[in-house]
């Protein structure tokens, strides 16, 4: 019953598009992230939950070398390999999640020519089950593909 409540609530949530100035866009649950939170690093807009415990960051990275997702994750995530709880790398995208203290970081990046289109979501570890369906839907919605 609890699993249905969480997934059913996620299915009923009002979803909206959130994007940066360089064309990266992702669908997100509007009621979960109602507060604009400025610019993140790398540069890109952020939203956060009303209580400040969850954050969404959309950004685009340059990929002048046309690095593959496998090359990129080897360079960029070397210090977190032992902490990654999930990782999937294809020839077009990468996705991983990692524990960061009391938070979970979930990142998806799509590779399109000389650009890498990404979003990060950080949310409390104690709410992992409630976030699983949300981050899955967000991951599948990331554009461009």
Foldseek 3Di string as FASTA:
>chain_A
DVLCVLLVVVVPADWDWDAFPVWKIWIARCQQFVAWDQADVVGFTKTHGPVRQKMKTWDKDFAQVLDFQVRVCVVPVVVCVVFWPDWDGDRFKIWTWGDDDQKIWIKIWGRDPGMITMMIMIHGPVCVSSCPNRVVRRNVGIDDD
